[in-house]
Amino acid sequence: MSVFASLDDLSISSVAITLSLFMMIVGAYFLYNRHRLTRDLPSIFNGSRLFLNERFLNTPKKHAIQIAGRFDQVFKLTSGELAVVDNKQTERTRYYPSDVAQLSSYAEILRSRGYRVLTTGFLRCENQRGEVTIVEVPLKDHQGVAKLVEKYHYLRTHRELVNCRCGRHLT
Protein backbone atom coordinates (compact mmCIF):
# COMPACT_ATOMS: atom_id res chain seq x y z
CA MET A 1 0.00 0.00 0.00
CA SER A 2 1.35 3.44 -0.84
CA VAL A 3 1.97 6.13 1.72
CA PHE A 4 -1.00 8.06 0.35
CA ALA A 5 -4.13 6.18 -0.50
CA SER A 6 -5.01 8.86 -3.01
CA LEU A 7 -4.05 12.33 -4.08
CA ASP A 8 -6.94 13.59 -1.97
CA ASP A 9 -4.83 12.89 1.11
CA LEU A 10 -2.44 15.65 0.02
CA SER A 11 -3.88 19.06 0.58
CA ILE A 12 -3.35 21.59 -2.14
CA SER A 13 -1.90 24.03 0.38
CA SER A 14 0.82 21.58 1.50
CA VAL A 15 1.81 20.96 -2.12
CA ALA A 16 1.90 24.71 -2.78
CA ILE A 17 4.03 25.33 0.32
CA THR A 18 6.46 22.54 -0.64
CA LEU A 19 6.80 23.86 -4.21
CA SER A 20 7.28 27.41 -2.95
CA LEU A 21 10.06 26.33 -0.58
CA PHE A 22 11.72 24.33 -3.35
CA MET A 23 11.62 27.31 -5.74
CA MET A 24 13.09 29.61 -3.07
CA ILE A 25 15.97 27.19 -2.44
CA VAL A 26 16.68 26.82 -6.17
CA GLY A 27 16.54 30.60 -6.65
CA ALA A 28 18.87 31.21 -3.71
CA TYR A 29 21.32 28.64 -5.09
CA PHE A 30 21.44 30.32 -8.51
CA LEU A 31 21.78 33.79 -6.99
CA TYR A 32 24.65 32.57 -4.79
CA ASN A 33 26.47 30.98 -7.73
CA ARG A 34 25.96 34.07 -9.89
CA HIS A 35 27.47 36.20 -7.14
CA ARG A 36 30.34 33.72 -6.68
CA LEU A 37 31.17 33.81 -10.41
CA THR A 38 31.19 37.61 -10.62
CA ARG A 39 32.84 38.12 -7.21
CA ASP A 40 35.82 40.44 -7.39
CA LEU A 41 35.39 41.15 -11.12
CA PRO A 42 35.69 44.78 -12.29
CA SER A 43 32.64 47.06 -12.31
CA ILE A 44 32.27 46.51 -16.06
CA PHE A 45 30.68 43.16 -15.07
CA ASN A 46 27.88 44.83 -13.09
CA GLY A 47 24.58 43.75 -14.64
CA SER A 48 26.28 41.11 -16.80
CA ARG A 49 24.98 37.59 -17.20
CA LEU A 50 26.81 34.30 -17.53
CA PHE A 51 26.91 33.37 -21.22
CA LEU A 52 29.13 30.25 -21.18
CA ASN A 53 30.45 28.17 -18.30
CA GLU A 54 32.95 25.31 -18.69
CA ARG A 55 32.12 24.88 -22.36
CA PHE A 56 34.18 23.51 -25.26
CA LEU A 57 33.92 25.42 -28.56
CA ASN A 58 35.84 25.59 -31.82
CA THR A 59 35.90 27.83 -34.85
CA PRO A 60 33.59 26.85 -37.74
CA LYS A 61 35.16 24.63 -40.42
CA LYS A 62 35.04 27.48 -42.98
CA HIS A 63 36.94 29.88 -40.71
CA ALA A 64 40.52 30.76 -41.75
CA ILE A 65 41.94 29.71 -38.36
CA GLN A 66 41.10 26.29 -36.95
CA ILE A 67 41.32 26.42 -33.14
CA ALA A 68 39.36 25.06 -30.22
CA GLY A 69 39.27 25.55 -26.49
CA ARG A 70 37.44 24.96 -23.25
CA PHE A 71 36.20 28.23 -21.79
CA ASP A 72 36.02 28.72 -18.03
CA GLN A 73 33.49 31.56 -18.19
CA VAL A 74 32.20 34.06 -20.72
CA PHE A 75 29.95 36.89 -19.57
CA LYS A 76 27.61 38.97 -21.70
CA LEU A 77 28.05 42.57 -20.59
CA THR A 78 25.28 45.16 -20.60
CA SER A 79 26.95 46.65 -23.72
CA GLY A 80 26.26 43.39 -25.56
CA GLU A 81 29.96 42.49 -25.79
CA LEU A 82 31.30 39.21 -24.43
CA ALA A 83 34.08 39.13 -21.82
CA VAL A 84 36.31 36.06 -21.45
CA VAL A 85 37.38 35.01 -17.93
CA ASP A 86 39.88 32.26 -17.15
CA ASN A 87 40.36 30.92 -13.63
CA LYS A 88 43.82 30.19 -12.25
CA GLN A 89 44.79 28.68 -8.91
CA THR A 90 47.90 30.75 -8.27
CA GLU A 91 49.49 33.56 -6.28
CA ARG A 92 50.46 35.54 -9.36
CA THR A 93 49.35 39.07 -10.09
CA ARG A 94 50.46 39.46 -13.70
CA TYR A 95 49.84 37.77 -17.02
CA TYR A 96 52.23 35.85 -19.27
CA PRO A 97 52.39 35.51 -23.08
CA SER A 98 50.71 32.11 -22.75
CA ASP A 99 47.74 33.79 -21.06
CA VAL A 100 47.50 36.30 -23.92
CA ALA A 101 47.59 33.43 -26.44
CA GLN A 102 44.96 31.40 -24.56
CA LEU A 103 42.46 34.22 -24.00
CA SER A 104 43.03 35.68 -27.48
CA SER A 105 42.31 32.27 -29.00
CA TYR A 106 39.08 32.05 -27.00
CA ALA A 107 38.11 35.53 -28.20
CA GLU A 108 38.82 34.52 -31.81
CA ILE A 109 36.56 31.47 -31.46
CA LEU A 110 33.75 33.74 -30.26
CA ARG A 111 34.38 36.33 -33.01
CA SER A 112 34.35 33.56 -35.63
CA ARG A 113 30.83 32.76 -34.46
CA GLY A 114 29.68 36.34 -34.94
CA TYR A 115 29.93 37.69 -31.39
CA ARG A 116 31.38 41.04 -30.36
CA VAL A 117 34.18 40.46 -27.84
CA LEU A 118 35.81 42.88 -25.43
CA THR A 119 39.44 43.69 -26.34
CA THR A 120 40.50 42.75 -22.79
CA GLY A 121 40.29 39.33 -21.17
CA PHE A 122 40.44 38.62 -17.46
CA LEU A 123 42.30 36.16 -15.25
CA ARG A 124 40.70 35.39 -11.90
CA CYS A 125 43.68 34.26 -9.82
CA GLU A 126 42.77 32.65 -6.51
CA ASN A 127 45.42 31.65 -4.01
CA GLN A 128 45.25 28.88 -1.40
CA ARG A 129 43.79 31.28 1.18
CA GLY A 130 40.84 32.07 -1.13
CA GLU A 131 42.08 35.58 -1.93
CA VAL A 132 41.23 36.63 -5.46
CA THR A 133 43.22 38.91 -7.74
CA ILE A 134 41.85 40.00 -11.11
CA VAL A 135 44.42 40.49 -13.87
CA GLU A 136 43.41 42.27 -17.08
CA VAL A 137 44.93 40.78 -20.23
CA PRO A 138 45.10 42.70 -23.54
CA LEU A 139 43.83 40.45 -26.33
CA LYS A 140 45.23 40.02 -29.81
CA ASP A 141 43.02 40.67 -32.82
CA HIS A 142 42.39 38.24 -35.70
CA GLN A 143 45.79 38.92 -37.29
CA GLY A 144 47.59 38.44 -33.98
CA VAL A 145 45.89 35.10 -33.38
CA ALA A 146 46.68 34.03 -36.96
CA LYS A 147 50.38 34.72 -36.31
CA LEU A 148 50.26 32.70 -33.07
CA VAL A 149 48.69 29.73 -34.87
CA GLU A 150 51.18 30.03 -37.72
CA LYS A 151 54.09 30.03 -35.25
CA TYR A 152 52.61 27.05 -33.41
CA HIS A 153 52.31 25.01 -36.63
CA TYR A 154 55.82 26.02 -37.73
CA LEU A 155 57.33 24.87 -34.44
CA ARG A 156 55.39 21.58 -34.53
CA THR A 157 56.38 20.73 -38.09
CA HIS A 158 60.02 21.81 -37.84
CA ARG A 159 60.56 20.38 -34.37
CA GLU A 160 62.71 23.32 -33.44
CA LEU A 161 63.62 23.78 -29.82
CA VAL A 162 62.36 26.96 -28.24
CA ASN A 163 64.61 29.05 -26.04
CA CYS A 164 63.12 29.18 -22.57
CA ARG A 165 64.33 31.53 -19.87
CA CYS A 166 63.21 29.41 -16.91
CA GLY A 167 66.20 27.06 -17.26
CA ARG A 168 64.11 23.91 -16.86
CA HIS A 169 63.50 23.15 -20.54
CA LEU A 170 65.77 22.05 -23.34
CA THR A 171 67.16 24.88 -25.42
C-alpha atoms as a PDB file:
ATOM      1  CA  MET A   1       0.000   0.000   0.000  1.00  0.00           C
ATOM      2  CA  SER A   2       1.351   3.436  -0.843  1.00  0.00           C
ATOM      3  CA  VAL A   3       1.969   6.134   1.724  1.00  0.00           C
ATOM      4  CA  PHE A   4      -1.003   8.062   0.353  1.00  0.00           C
ATOM      5  CA  ALA A   5      -4.133   6.183  -0.501  1.00  0.00           C
ATOM      6  CA  SER A   6      -5.009   8.857  -3.014  1.00  0.00           C
ATOM      7  CA  LEU A   7      -4.052  12.335  -4.081  1.00  0.00           C
ATOM      8  CA  ASP A   8      -6.944  13.588  -1.975  1.00  0.00           C
ATOM      9  CA  ASP A   9      -4.831  12.888   1.111  1.00  0.00           C
ATOM     10  CA  LEU A  10      -2.437  15.647   0.024  1.00  0.00           C
ATOM     11  CA  SER A  11      -3.883  19.056   0.585  1.00  0.00           C
ATOM     12  CA  ILE A  12      -3.349  21.593  -2.135  1.00  0.00           C
ATOM     13  CA  SER A  13      -1.901  24.028   0.375  1.00  0.00           C
ATOM     14  CA  SER A  14       0.824  21.584   1.505  1.00  0.00           C
ATOM     15  CA  VAL A  15       1.811  20.963  -2.120  1.00  0.00           C
ATOM     16  CA  ALA A  16       1.901  24.715  -2.783  1.00  0.00           C
ATOM     17  CA  ILE A  17       4.032  25.327   0.318  1.00  0.00           C
ATOM     18  CA  THR A  18       6.462  22.544  -0.642  1.00  0.00           C
ATOM     19  CA  LEU A  19       6.798  23.860  -4.207  1.00  0.00           C
ATOM     20  CA  SER A  20       7.283  27.413  -2.953  1.00  0.00           C
ATOM     21  CA  LEU A  21      10.063  26.329  -0.581  1.00  0.00           C
ATOM     22  CA  PHE A  22      11.716  24.326  -3.348  1.00  0.00           C
ATOM     23  CA  MET A  23      11.623  27.309  -5.735  1.00  0.00           C
ATOM     24  CA  MET A  24      13.086  29.615  -3.072  1.00  0.00           C
ATOM     25  CA  ILE A  25      15.966  27.189  -2.435  1.00  0.00           C
ATOM     26  CA  VAL A  26      16.682  26.816  -6.165  1.00  0.00           C
ATOM     27  CA  GLY A  27      16.536  30.600  -6.646  1.00  0.00           C
ATOM     28  CA  ALA A  28      18.873  31.213  -3.710  1.00  0.00           C
ATOM     29  CA  TYR A  29      21.319  28.643  -5.094  1.00  0.00           C
ATOM     30  CA  PHE A  30      21.437  30.323  -8.505  1.00  0.00           C
ATOM     31  CA  LEU A  31      21.781  33.793  -6.988  1.00  0.00           C
ATOM     32  CA  TYR A  32      24.647  32.575  -4.787  1.00  0.00           C
ATOM     33  CA  ASN A  33      26.468  30.976  -7.727  1.00  0.00           C
ATOM     34  CA  ARG A  34      25.956  34.071  -9.893  1.00  0.00           C
ATOM     35  CA  HIS A  35      27.471  36.204  -7.138  1.00  0.00           C
ATOM     36  CA  ARG A  36      30.337  33.725  -6.682  1.00  0.00           C
ATOM     37  CA  LEU A  37      31.171  33.807 -10.408  1.00  0.00           C
ATOM     38  CA  THR A  38      31.190  37.614 -10.622  1.00  0.00           C
ATOM     39  CA  ARG A  39      32.839  38.119  -7.215  1.00  0.00           C
ATOM     40  CA  ASP A  40      35.817  40.443  -7.395  1.00  0.00           C
ATOM     41  CA  LEU A  41      35.387  41.148 -11.116  1.00  0.00           C
ATOM     42  CA  PRO A  42      35.690  44.784 -12.286  1.00  0.00           C
ATOM     43  CA  SER A  43      32.642  47.058 -12.307  1.00  0.00           C
ATOM     44  CA  ILE A  44      32.267  46.515 -16.059  1.00  0.00           C
ATOM     45  CA  PHE A  45      30.680  43.160 -15.074  1.00  0.00           C
ATOM     46  CA  ASN A  46      27.877  44.827 -13.090  1.00  0.00           C
ATOM     47  CA  GLY A  47      24.583  43.749 -14.639  1.00  0.00           C
ATOM     48  CA  SER A  48      26.284  41.110 -16.805  1.00  0.00           C
ATOM     49  CA  ARG A  49      24.984  37.593 -17.204  1.00  0.00           C
ATOM     50  CA  LEU A  50      26.813  34.302 -17.526  1.00  0.00           C
ATOM     51  CA  PHE A  51      26.913  33.374 -21.221  1.00  0.00           C
ATOM     52  CA  LEU A  52      29.131  30.247 -21.175  1.00  0.00           C
ATOM     53  CA  ASN A  53      30.447  28.173 -18.295  1.00  0.00           C
ATOM     54  CA  GLU A  54      32.946  25.305 -18.686  1.00  0.00           C
ATOM     55  CA  ARG A  55      32.117  24.882 -22.361  1.00  0.00           C
ATOM     56  CA  PHE A  56      34.178  23.509 -25.261  1.00  0.00           C
ATOM     57  CA  LEU A  57      33.920  25.416 -28.557  1.00  0.00           C
ATOM     58  CA  ASN A  58      35.841  25.587 -31.821  1.00  0.00           C
ATOM     59  CA  THR A  59      35.905  27.826 -34.850  1.00  0.00           C
ATOM     60  CA  PRO A  60      33.586  26.849 -37.736  1.00  0.00           C
ATOM     61  CA  LYS A  61      35.165  24.630 -40.421  1.00  0.00           C
ATOM     62  CA  LYS A  62      35.038  27.476 -42.981  1.00  0.00           C
ATOM     63  CA  HIS A  63      36.944  29.881 -40.713  1.00  0.00           C
ATOM     64  CA  ALA A  64      40.518  30.757 -41.747  1.00  0.00           C
ATOM     65  CA  ILE A  65      41.935  29.711 -38.357  1.00  0.00           C
ATOM     66  CA  GLN A  66      41.102  26.288 -36.949  1.00  0.00           C
ATOM     67  CA  ILE A  67      41.321  26.423 -33.143  1.00  0.00           C
ATOM     68  CA  ALA A  68      39.359  25.058 -30.219  1.00  0.00           C
ATOM     69  CA  GLY A  69      39.271  25.551 -26.485  1.00  0.00           C
ATOM     70  CA  ARG A  70      37.437  24.959 -23.247  1.00  0.00           C
ATOM     71  CA  PHE A  71      36.196  28.232 -21.791  1.00  0.00           C
ATOM     72  CA  ASP A  72      36.017  28.718 -18.027  1.00  0.00           C
ATOM     73  CA  GLN A  73      33.491  31.563 -18.186  1.00  0.00           C
ATOM     74  CA  VAL A  74      32.203  34.058 -20.715  1.00  0.00           C
ATOM     75  CA  PHE A  75      29.948  36.886 -19.573  1.00  0.00           C
ATOM     76  CA  LYS A  76      27.614  38.973 -21.704  1.00  0.00           C
ATOM     77  CA  LEU A  77      28.051  42.571 -20.592  1.00  0.00           C
ATOM     78  CA  THR A  78      25.282  45.161 -20.602  1.00  0.00           C
ATOM     79  CA  SER A  79      26.949  46.651 -23.716  1.00  0.00           C
ATOM     80  CA  GLY A  80      26.265  43.385 -25.557  1.00  0.00           C
ATOM     81  CA  GLU A  81      29.958  42.489 -25.789  1.00  0.00           C
ATOM     82  CA  LEU A  82      31.295  39.214 -24.432  1.00  0.00           C
ATOM     83  CA  ALA A  83      34.081  39.127 -21.825  1.00  0.00           C
ATOM     84  CA  VAL A  84      36.313  36.060 -21.450  1.00  0.00           C
ATOM     85  CA  VAL A  85      37.376  35.011 -17.926  1.00  0.00           C
ATOM     86  CA  ASP A  86      39.877  32.258 -17.148  1.00  0.00           C
ATOM     87  CA  ASN A  87      40.361  30.925 -13.629  1.00  0.00           C
ATOM     88  CA  LYS A  88      43.821  30.188 -12.250  1.00  0.00           C
ATOM     89  CA  GLN A  89      44.795  28.676  -8.912  1.00  0.00           C
ATOM     90  CA  THR A  90      47.899  30.749  -8.274  1.00  0.00           C
ATOM     91  CA  GLU A  91      49.489  33.560  -6.284  1.00  0.00           C
ATOM     92  CA  ARG A  92      50.456  35.537  -9.360  1.00  0.00           C
ATOM     93  CA  THR A  93      49.350  39.069 -10.091  1.00  0.00           C
ATOM     94  CA  ARG A  94      50.458  39.459 -13.698  1.00  0.00           C
ATOM     95  CA  TYR A  95      49.836  37.767 -17.023  1.00  0.00           C
ATOM     96  CA  TYR A  96      52.230  35.847 -19.272  1.00  0.00           C
ATOM     97  CA  PRO A  97      52.394  35.506 -23.076  1.00  0.00           C
ATOM     98  CA  SER A  98      50.714  32.105 -22.751  1.00  0.00           C
ATOM     99  CA  ASP A  99      47.738  33.793 -21.063  1.00  0.00           C
ATOM    100  CA  VAL A 100      47.500  36.298 -23.921  1.00  0.00           C
ATOM    101  CA  ALA A 101      47.587  33.432 -26.439  1.00  0.00           C
ATOM    102  CA  GLN A 102      44.960  31.400 -24.561  1.00  0.00           C
ATOM    103  CA  LEU A 103      42.464  34.218 -23.996  1.00  0.00           C
ATOM    104  CA  SER A 104      43.034  35.677 -27.476  1.00  0.00           C
ATOM    105  CA  SER A 105      42.309  32.270 -29.002  1.00  0.00           C
ATOM    106  CA  TYR A 106      39.083  32.052 -27.004  1.00  0.00           C
ATOM    107  CA  ALA A 107      38.114  35.527 -28.200  1.00  0.00           C
ATOM    108  CA  GLU A 108      38.823  34.521 -31.809  1.00  0.00           C
ATOM    109  CA  ILE A 109      36.557  31.474 -31.458  1.00  0.00           C
ATOM    110  CA  LEU A 110      33.745  33.737 -30.263  1.00  0.00           C
ATOM    111  CA  ARG A 111      34.383  36.333 -33.009  1.00  0.00           C
ATOM    112  CA  SER A 112      34.352  33.557 -35.632  1.00  0.00           C
ATOM    113  CA  ARG A 113      30.827  32.758 -34.455  1.00  0.00           C
ATOM    114  CA  GLY A 114      29.676  36.344 -34.943  1.00  0.00           C
ATOM    115  CA  TYR A 115      29.926  37.694 -31.386  1.00  0.00           C
ATOM    116  CA  ARG A 116      31.377  41.042 -30.357  1.00  0.00           C
ATOM    117  CA  VAL A 117      34.176  40.460 -27.844  1.00  0.00           C
ATOM    118  CA  LEU A 118      35.806  42.882 -25.435  1.00  0.00           C
ATOM    119  CA  THR A 119      39.438  43.685 -26.337  1.00  0.00           C
ATOM    120  CA  THR A 120      40.495  42.754 -22.791  1.00  0.00           C
ATOM    121  CA  GLY A 121      40.288  39.330 -21.171  1.00  0.00           C
ATOM    122  CA  PHE A 122      40.440  38.618 -17.456  1.00  0.00           C
ATOM    123  CA  LEU A 123      42.300  36.157 -15.247  1.00  0.00           C
ATOM    124  CA  ARG A 124      40.697  35.385 -11.901  1.00  0.00           C
ATOM    125  CA  CYS A 125      43.683  34.257  -9.823  1.00  0.00           C
ATOM    126  CA  GLU A 126      42.767  32.648  -6.507  1.00  0.00           C
ATOM    127  CA  ASN A 127      45.423  31.649  -4.010  1.00  0.00           C
ATOM    128  CA  GLN A 128      45.252  28.881  -1.401  1.00  0.00           C
ATOM    129  CA  ARG A 129      43.787  31.282   1.177  1.00  0.00           C
ATOM    130  CA  GLY A 130      40.845  32.071  -1.127  1.00  0.00           C
ATOM    131  CA  GLU A 131      42.080  35.580  -1.927  1.00  0.00           C
ATOM    132  CA  VAL A 132      41.228  36.625  -5.464  1.00  0.00           C
ATOM    133  CA  THR A 133      43.224  38.914  -7.744  1.00  0.00           C
ATOM    134  CA  ILE A 134      41.855  39.996 -11.114  1.00  0.00           C
ATOM    135  CA  VAL A 135      44.421  40.485 -13.872  1.00  0.00           C
ATOM    136  CA  GLU A 136      43.414  42.266 -17.079  1.00  0.00           C
ATOM    137  CA  VAL A 137      44.925  40.779 -20.226  1.00  0.00           C
ATOM    138  CA  PRO A 138      45.095  42.701 -23.538  1.00  0.00           C
ATOM    139  CA  LEU A 139      43.827  40.446 -26.327  1.00  0.00           C
ATOM    140  CA  LYS A 140      45.228  40.019 -29.806  1.00  0.00           C
ATOM    141  CA  ASP A 141      43.020  40.672 -32.823  1.00  0.00           C
ATOM    142  CA  HIS A 142      42.389  38.245 -35.704  1.00  0.00           C
ATOM    143  CA  GLN A 143      45.795  38.918 -37.291  1.00  0.00           C
ATOM    144  CA  GLY A 144      47.587  38.442 -33.980  1.00  0.00           C
ATOM    145  CA  VAL A 145      45.888  35.099 -33.376  1.00  0.00           C
ATOM    146  CA  ALA A 146      46.676  34.033 -36.961  1.00  0.00           C
ATOM    147  CA  LYS A 147      50.378  34.725 -36.305  1.00  0.00           C
ATOM    148  CA  LEU A 148      50.260  32.700 -33.073  1.00  0.00           C
ATOM    149  CA  VAL A 149      48.687  29.733 -34.875  1.00  0.00           C
ATOM    150  CA  GLU A 150      51.181  30.026 -37.723  1.00  0.00           C
ATOM    151  CA  LYS A 151      54.090  30.029 -35.250  1.00  0.00           C
ATOM    152  CA  TYR A 152      52.611  27.046 -33.410  1.00  0.00           C
ATOM    153  CA  HIS A 153      52.312  25.012 -36.629  1.00  0.00           C
ATOM    154  CA  TYR A 154      55.819  26.016 -37.727  1.00  0.00           C
ATOM    155  CA  LEU A 155      57.325  24.871 -34.438  1.00  0.00           C
ATOM    156  CA  ARG A 156      55.395  21.582 -34.535  1.00  0.00           C
ATOM    157  CA  THR A 157      56.384  20.732 -38.094  1.00  0.00           C
ATOM    158  CA  HIS A 158      60.020  21.811 -37.844  1.00  0.00           C
ATOM    159  CA  ARG A 159      60.557  20.376 -34.374  1.00  0.00           C
ATOM    160  CA  GLU A 160      62.712  23.317 -33.436  1.00  0.00           C
ATOM    161  CA  LEU A 161      63.616  23.776 -29.822  1.00  0.00           C
ATOM    162  CA  VAL A 162      62.360  26.964 -28.243  1.00  0.00           C
ATOM    163  CA  ASN A 163      64.613  29.047 -26.041  1.00  0.00           C
ATOM    164  CA  CYS A 164      63.123  29.176 -22.573  1.00  0.00           C
ATOM    165  CA  ARG A 165      64.329  31.528 -19.866  1.00  0.00           C
ATOM    166  CA  CYS A 166      63.215  29.414 -16.908  1.00  0.00           C
ATOM    167  CA  GLY A 167      66.203  27.063 -17.265  1.00  0.00           C
ATOM    168  CA  ARG A 168      64.111  23.912 -16.856  1.00  0.00           C
ATOM    169  CA  HIS A 169      63.498  23.149 -20.539  1.00  0.00           C
ATOM    170  CA  LEU A 170      65.774  22.048 -23.336  1.00  0.00           C
ATOM    171  CA  THR A 171      67.164  24.879 -25.422  1.00  0.00           C
END
